N, C-alpha and C. Protein backbone atom coordinates (compact mmCIF):
# COMPACT_ATOMS: atom_id res chain seq x y z
N ASP A 1 8.52 0.83 -10.36
CA ASP A 1 7.29 0.15 -10.72
C ASP A 1 7.04 -1.02 -9.78
N LEU A 2 5.80 -1.43 -9.69
CA LEU A 2 5.38 -2.43 -8.70
C LEU A 2 6.17 -3.73 -8.82
N LEU A 3 6.29 -4.26 -10.01
CA LEU A 3 6.98 -5.53 -10.20
C LEU A 3 8.44 -5.44 -9.74
N GLU A 4 9.10 -4.36 -10.07
CA GLU A 4 10.49 -4.18 -9.64
C GLU A 4 10.59 -4.11 -8.12
N ARG A 5 9.67 -3.41 -7.49
CA ARG A 5 9.70 -3.33 -6.02
C ARG A 5 9.46 -4.70 -5.39
N ILE A 6 8.54 -5.47 -5.94
CA ILE A 6 8.26 -6.81 -5.41
C ILE A 6 9.49 -7.70 -5.56
N GLN A 7 10.13 -7.63 -6.71
CA GLN A 7 11.34 -8.44 -6.93
C GLN A 7 12.46 -8.04 -5.98
N ALA A 8 12.58 -6.75 -5.69
CA ALA A 8 13.60 -6.29 -4.76
C ALA A 8 13.28 -6.74 -3.33
N LEU A 9 12.02 -6.75 -2.98
CA LEU A 9 11.61 -7.16 -1.64
C LEU A 9 11.74 -8.66 -1.43
N ASN A 10 11.52 -9.42 -2.49
CA ASN A 10 11.48 -10.88 -2.41
C ASN A 10 12.24 -11.47 -3.59
N PRO A 11 13.58 -11.33 -3.59
CA PRO A 11 14.35 -11.71 -4.78
C PRO A 11 14.24 -13.18 -5.17
N LEU A 12 13.96 -14.06 -4.21
CA LEU A 12 13.84 -15.48 -4.54
C LEU A 12 12.43 -15.85 -5.01
N GLY A 13 11.50 -14.91 -4.88
CA GLY A 13 10.13 -15.16 -5.34
C GLY A 13 9.37 -16.18 -4.53
N GLU A 14 9.75 -16.33 -3.29
CA GLU A 14 9.10 -17.34 -2.43
C GLU A 14 7.87 -16.76 -1.75
N PRO A 15 6.78 -17.52 -1.72
CA PRO A 15 5.58 -17.04 -1.02
C PRO A 15 5.84 -16.71 0.45
N SER A 16 6.73 -17.46 1.08
CA SER A 16 7.03 -17.20 2.49
C SER A 16 7.66 -15.82 2.66
N GLY A 17 8.42 -15.37 1.67
CA GLY A 17 9.01 -14.04 1.73
C GLY A 17 7.96 -12.96 1.71
N LEU A 18 6.94 -13.15 0.89
CA LEU A 18 5.84 -12.19 0.84
C LEU A 18 5.07 -12.18 2.16
N GLN A 19 4.86 -13.36 2.72
CA GLN A 19 4.15 -13.45 4.00
C GLN A 19 4.93 -12.74 5.10
N GLN A 20 6.24 -12.86 5.09
CA GLN A 20 7.06 -12.18 6.09
C GLN A 20 6.94 -10.66 5.98
N ILE A 21 6.85 -10.16 4.77
CA ILE A 21 6.68 -8.72 4.56
C ILE A 21 5.36 -8.25 5.17
N LEU A 22 4.31 -9.03 4.94
CA LEU A 22 3.00 -8.68 5.50
C LEU A 22 3.01 -8.75 7.03
N GLU A 23 3.63 -9.78 7.58
CA GLU A 23 3.69 -9.93 9.03
C GLU A 23 4.48 -8.79 9.67
N LYS A 24 5.59 -8.42 9.04
CA LYS A 24 6.39 -7.31 9.57
C LYS A 24 5.57 -6.03 9.61
N ALA A 25 4.85 -5.75 8.53
CA ALA A 25 4.04 -4.54 8.48
C ALA A 25 2.91 -4.58 9.50
N ASN A 26 2.31 -5.73 9.68
CA ASN A 26 1.21 -5.85 10.64
C ASN A 26 1.69 -5.58 12.07
N ALA A 27 2.95 -5.86 12.34
CA ALA A 27 3.51 -5.63 13.68
C ALA A 27 4.16 -4.25 13.81
N ALA A 28 4.31 -3.54 12.69
CA ALA A 28 5.03 -2.27 12.69
C ALA A 28 4.13 -1.12 13.16
N PRO A 29 4.75 -0.12 13.78
CA PRO A 29 3.97 1.07 14.15
C PRO A 29 3.58 1.86 12.90
N ALA A 30 2.60 2.71 13.04
CA ALA A 30 2.13 3.52 11.92
C ALA A 30 3.23 4.37 11.30
N ALA A 31 4.19 4.78 12.11
CA ALA A 31 5.26 5.65 11.62
C ALA A 31 6.27 4.91 10.73
N ASP A 32 6.26 3.59 10.75
CA ASP A 32 7.17 2.80 9.92
C ASP A 32 6.56 2.67 8.53
N ILE A 33 6.56 3.78 7.80
CA ILE A 33 5.84 3.77 6.52
C ILE A 33 6.47 2.85 5.49
N ASN A 34 7.78 2.62 5.56
CA ASN A 34 8.40 1.73 4.58
C ASN A 34 7.86 0.32 4.67
N SER A 35 7.61 -0.16 5.88
CA SER A 35 7.02 -1.49 6.04
C SER A 35 5.61 -1.52 5.46
N HIS A 36 4.86 -0.46 5.68
CA HIS A 36 3.48 -0.41 5.19
C HIS A 36 3.43 -0.23 3.67
N LEU A 37 4.36 0.54 3.11
CA LEU A 37 4.43 0.67 1.66
C LEU A 37 4.76 -0.67 1.01
N ALA A 38 5.71 -1.39 1.60
CA ALA A 38 6.09 -2.70 1.06
C ALA A 38 4.92 -3.67 1.14
N ALA A 39 4.22 -3.66 2.26
CA ALA A 39 3.08 -4.57 2.42
C ALA A 39 1.97 -4.23 1.43
N ALA A 40 1.73 -2.96 1.20
CA ALA A 40 0.70 -2.56 0.23
C ALA A 40 1.06 -3.04 -1.17
N ASP A 41 2.33 -2.94 -1.52
CA ASP A 41 2.77 -3.47 -2.81
C ASP A 41 2.49 -4.96 -2.92
N VAL A 42 2.83 -5.69 -1.87
CA VAL A 42 2.59 -7.14 -1.86
C VAL A 42 1.11 -7.43 -1.98
N GLU A 43 0.30 -6.71 -1.22
CA GLU A 43 -1.15 -6.95 -1.26
C GLU A 43 -1.73 -6.74 -2.65
N VAL A 44 -1.30 -5.70 -3.33
CA VAL A 44 -1.79 -5.48 -4.70
C VAL A 44 -1.28 -6.61 -5.60
N ALA A 45 -0.02 -6.97 -5.45
CA ALA A 45 0.57 -8.01 -6.32
C ALA A 45 -0.11 -9.36 -6.16
N ILE A 46 -0.63 -9.65 -4.96
CA ILE A 46 -1.28 -10.95 -4.74
C ILE A 46 -2.80 -10.87 -4.89
N GLY A 47 -3.28 -9.74 -5.41
CA GLY A 47 -4.71 -9.63 -5.71
C GLY A 47 -5.58 -9.18 -4.57
N ARG A 48 -5.00 -8.46 -3.62
CA ARG A 48 -5.78 -7.96 -2.48
C ARG A 48 -5.69 -6.43 -2.42
N PRO A 49 -6.11 -5.75 -3.49
CA PRO A 49 -5.96 -4.30 -3.49
C PRO A 49 -6.75 -3.59 -2.39
N GLU A 50 -7.90 -4.14 -2.02
CA GLU A 50 -8.68 -3.49 -0.97
C GLU A 50 -7.91 -3.45 0.34
N ALA A 51 -7.13 -4.49 0.63
CA ALA A 51 -6.31 -4.50 1.84
C ALA A 51 -5.19 -3.47 1.74
N ALA A 52 -4.58 -3.37 0.56
CA ALA A 52 -3.51 -2.39 0.35
C ALA A 52 -4.05 -0.98 0.50
N PHE A 53 -5.19 -0.71 -0.10
CA PHE A 53 -5.77 0.63 -0.01
C PHE A 53 -6.12 0.98 1.43
N ALA A 54 -6.73 0.04 2.13
CA ALA A 54 -7.10 0.29 3.53
C ALA A 54 -5.85 0.55 4.38
N ARG A 55 -4.81 -0.23 4.14
CA ARG A 55 -3.55 -0.06 4.89
C ARG A 55 -3.00 1.37 4.67
N LEU A 56 -2.91 1.79 3.42
CA LEU A 56 -2.33 3.10 3.14
C LEU A 56 -3.23 4.23 3.61
N LEU A 57 -4.53 4.08 3.46
CA LEU A 57 -5.45 5.10 3.96
C LEU A 57 -5.34 5.24 5.47
N ASP A 58 -5.22 4.14 6.18
CA ASP A 58 -5.05 4.18 7.63
C ASP A 58 -3.76 4.90 7.99
N ARG A 59 -2.69 4.62 7.26
CA ARG A 59 -1.40 5.26 7.54
C ARG A 59 -1.46 6.75 7.20
N ILE A 60 -2.16 7.12 6.14
CA ILE A 60 -2.31 8.54 5.81
C ILE A 60 -3.01 9.27 6.96
N ALA A 61 -4.01 8.64 7.53
CA ALA A 61 -4.74 9.24 8.65
C ALA A 61 -3.87 9.38 9.89
N ASP A 62 -2.86 8.51 10.03
CA ASP A 62 -2.05 8.44 11.25
C ASP A 62 -0.75 9.23 11.21
N ASN A 63 -0.31 9.71 10.06
CA ASN A 63 1.05 10.22 9.93
C ASN A 63 1.13 11.72 9.67
N THR A 64 2.38 12.20 9.69
CA THR A 64 2.68 13.62 9.48
C THR A 64 2.52 13.99 8.01
N ALA A 65 2.53 15.27 7.74
CA ALA A 65 2.32 15.76 6.37
C ALA A 65 3.35 15.19 5.41
N GLU A 66 4.62 15.14 5.81
CA GLU A 66 5.66 14.63 4.92
C GLU A 66 5.42 13.16 4.58
N SER A 67 5.14 12.37 5.58
CA SER A 67 4.87 10.95 5.37
C SER A 67 3.58 10.75 4.59
N ARG A 68 2.61 11.58 4.88
CA ARG A 68 1.32 11.46 4.18
C ARG A 68 1.49 11.63 2.68
N GLU A 69 2.37 12.52 2.28
CA GLU A 69 2.57 12.76 0.85
C GLU A 69 3.17 11.53 0.17
N GLU A 70 4.14 10.92 0.81
CA GLU A 70 4.74 9.70 0.24
C GLU A 70 3.70 8.58 0.16
N LEU A 71 2.91 8.43 1.19
CA LEU A 71 1.85 7.42 1.20
C LEU A 71 0.80 7.71 0.12
N ARG A 72 0.44 8.98 -0.01
CA ARG A 72 -0.56 9.37 -1.01
C ARG A 72 -0.07 9.06 -2.42
N LYS A 73 1.19 9.37 -2.69
CA LYS A 73 1.75 9.11 -4.02
C LYS A 73 1.73 7.62 -4.34
N ARG A 74 2.09 6.79 -3.35
CA ARG A 74 2.08 5.34 -3.60
C ARG A 74 0.65 4.86 -3.82
N LEU A 75 -0.28 5.37 -3.05
CA LEU A 75 -1.68 4.99 -3.21
C LEU A 75 -2.16 5.33 -4.61
N LEU A 76 -1.84 6.52 -5.09
CA LEU A 76 -2.24 6.91 -6.44
C LEU A 76 -1.61 6.00 -7.49
N GLU A 77 -0.37 5.61 -7.28
CA GLU A 77 0.29 4.69 -8.20
C GLU A 77 -0.42 3.33 -8.21
N LEU A 78 -0.78 2.85 -7.04
CA LEU A 78 -1.46 1.56 -6.97
C LEU A 78 -2.87 1.64 -7.58
N PHE A 79 -3.49 2.80 -7.48
CA PHE A 79 -4.79 2.98 -8.16
C PHE A 79 -4.61 2.74 -9.65
N MET A 80 -3.53 3.27 -10.22
CA MET A 80 -3.30 3.09 -11.66
C MET A 80 -3.01 1.63 -12.00
N VAL A 81 -2.31 0.94 -11.13
CA VAL A 81 -2.02 -0.48 -11.36
C VAL A 81 -3.31 -1.28 -11.40
N VAL A 82 -4.20 -1.02 -10.46
CA VAL A 82 -5.45 -1.77 -10.36
C VAL A 82 -6.43 -1.34 -11.45
N GLY A 83 -6.46 -0.05 -11.76
CA GLY A 83 -7.35 0.45 -12.81
C GLY A 83 -8.41 1.38 -12.24
N SER A 84 -8.57 2.51 -12.86
CA SER A 84 -9.45 3.55 -12.32
C SER A 84 -10.93 3.16 -12.30
N GLU A 85 -11.31 2.18 -13.09
CA GLU A 85 -12.72 1.77 -13.12
C GLU A 85 -13.05 0.70 -12.09
N ASP A 86 -12.05 0.18 -11.41
CA ASP A 86 -12.28 -0.85 -10.40
C ASP A 86 -13.05 -0.24 -9.22
N PRO A 87 -14.09 -0.90 -8.73
CA PRO A 87 -14.88 -0.34 -7.63
C PRO A 87 -14.07 -0.08 -6.36
N THR A 88 -13.06 -0.91 -6.10
CA THR A 88 -12.24 -0.68 -4.90
C THR A 88 -11.43 0.61 -5.05
N VAL A 89 -11.01 0.92 -6.26
CA VAL A 89 -10.27 2.17 -6.50
C VAL A 89 -11.21 3.35 -6.31
N LYS A 90 -12.40 3.27 -6.85
CA LYS A 90 -13.35 4.37 -6.72
C LYS A 90 -13.65 4.66 -5.25
N GLN A 91 -13.88 3.61 -4.46
CA GLN A 91 -14.16 3.78 -3.03
C GLN A 91 -12.95 4.36 -2.31
N ALA A 92 -11.77 3.84 -2.58
CA ALA A 92 -10.56 4.33 -1.91
C ALA A 92 -10.28 5.79 -2.29
N ARG A 93 -10.57 6.17 -3.52
CA ARG A 93 -10.39 7.58 -3.93
C ARG A 93 -11.30 8.50 -3.11
N ARG A 94 -12.52 8.07 -2.91
CA ARG A 94 -13.44 8.88 -2.08
C ARG A 94 -12.90 9.00 -0.67
N GLU A 95 -12.41 7.90 -0.11
CA GLU A 95 -11.87 7.93 1.24
C GLU A 95 -10.64 8.83 1.33
N LEU A 96 -9.79 8.76 0.32
CA LEU A 96 -8.60 9.60 0.29
C LEU A 96 -9.00 11.08 0.25
N THR A 97 -9.95 11.42 -0.57
CA THR A 97 -10.43 12.80 -0.65
C THR A 97 -10.93 13.27 0.70
N ASN A 98 -11.69 12.44 1.39
CA ASN A 98 -12.21 12.80 2.71
C ASN A 98 -11.09 13.00 3.73
N LEU A 99 -10.04 12.20 3.63
CA LEU A 99 -8.92 12.34 4.56
C LEU A 99 -8.13 13.62 4.32
N LEU A 100 -7.98 13.99 3.07
CA LEU A 100 -7.11 15.11 2.74
C LEU A 100 -7.81 16.47 2.80
N PHE A 101 -9.13 16.46 2.68
CA PHE A 101 -9.84 17.74 2.64
C PHE A 101 -10.86 17.84 3.71
């Protein structure tokens, strides 16, 4: 679950730890999906779901089928965290559909 992943990524709960996760992902190649998954979790946790969705959608567009599935599953999980009626979720769902089909 999201909270458990955030606690594992940043056990001391320091804002600087979250910032480091985002910076690492921003510098990481598209193939480093673990960095991007971690950053997306952080972005949702700090109230920036649109950034998380954009990050994962970009990675889905850039990666292999195996990686795409892992990214897609996390994106769907984050949709549930944010809520299906949220406009950012609705837009990201449309984008995901376009990428996959």
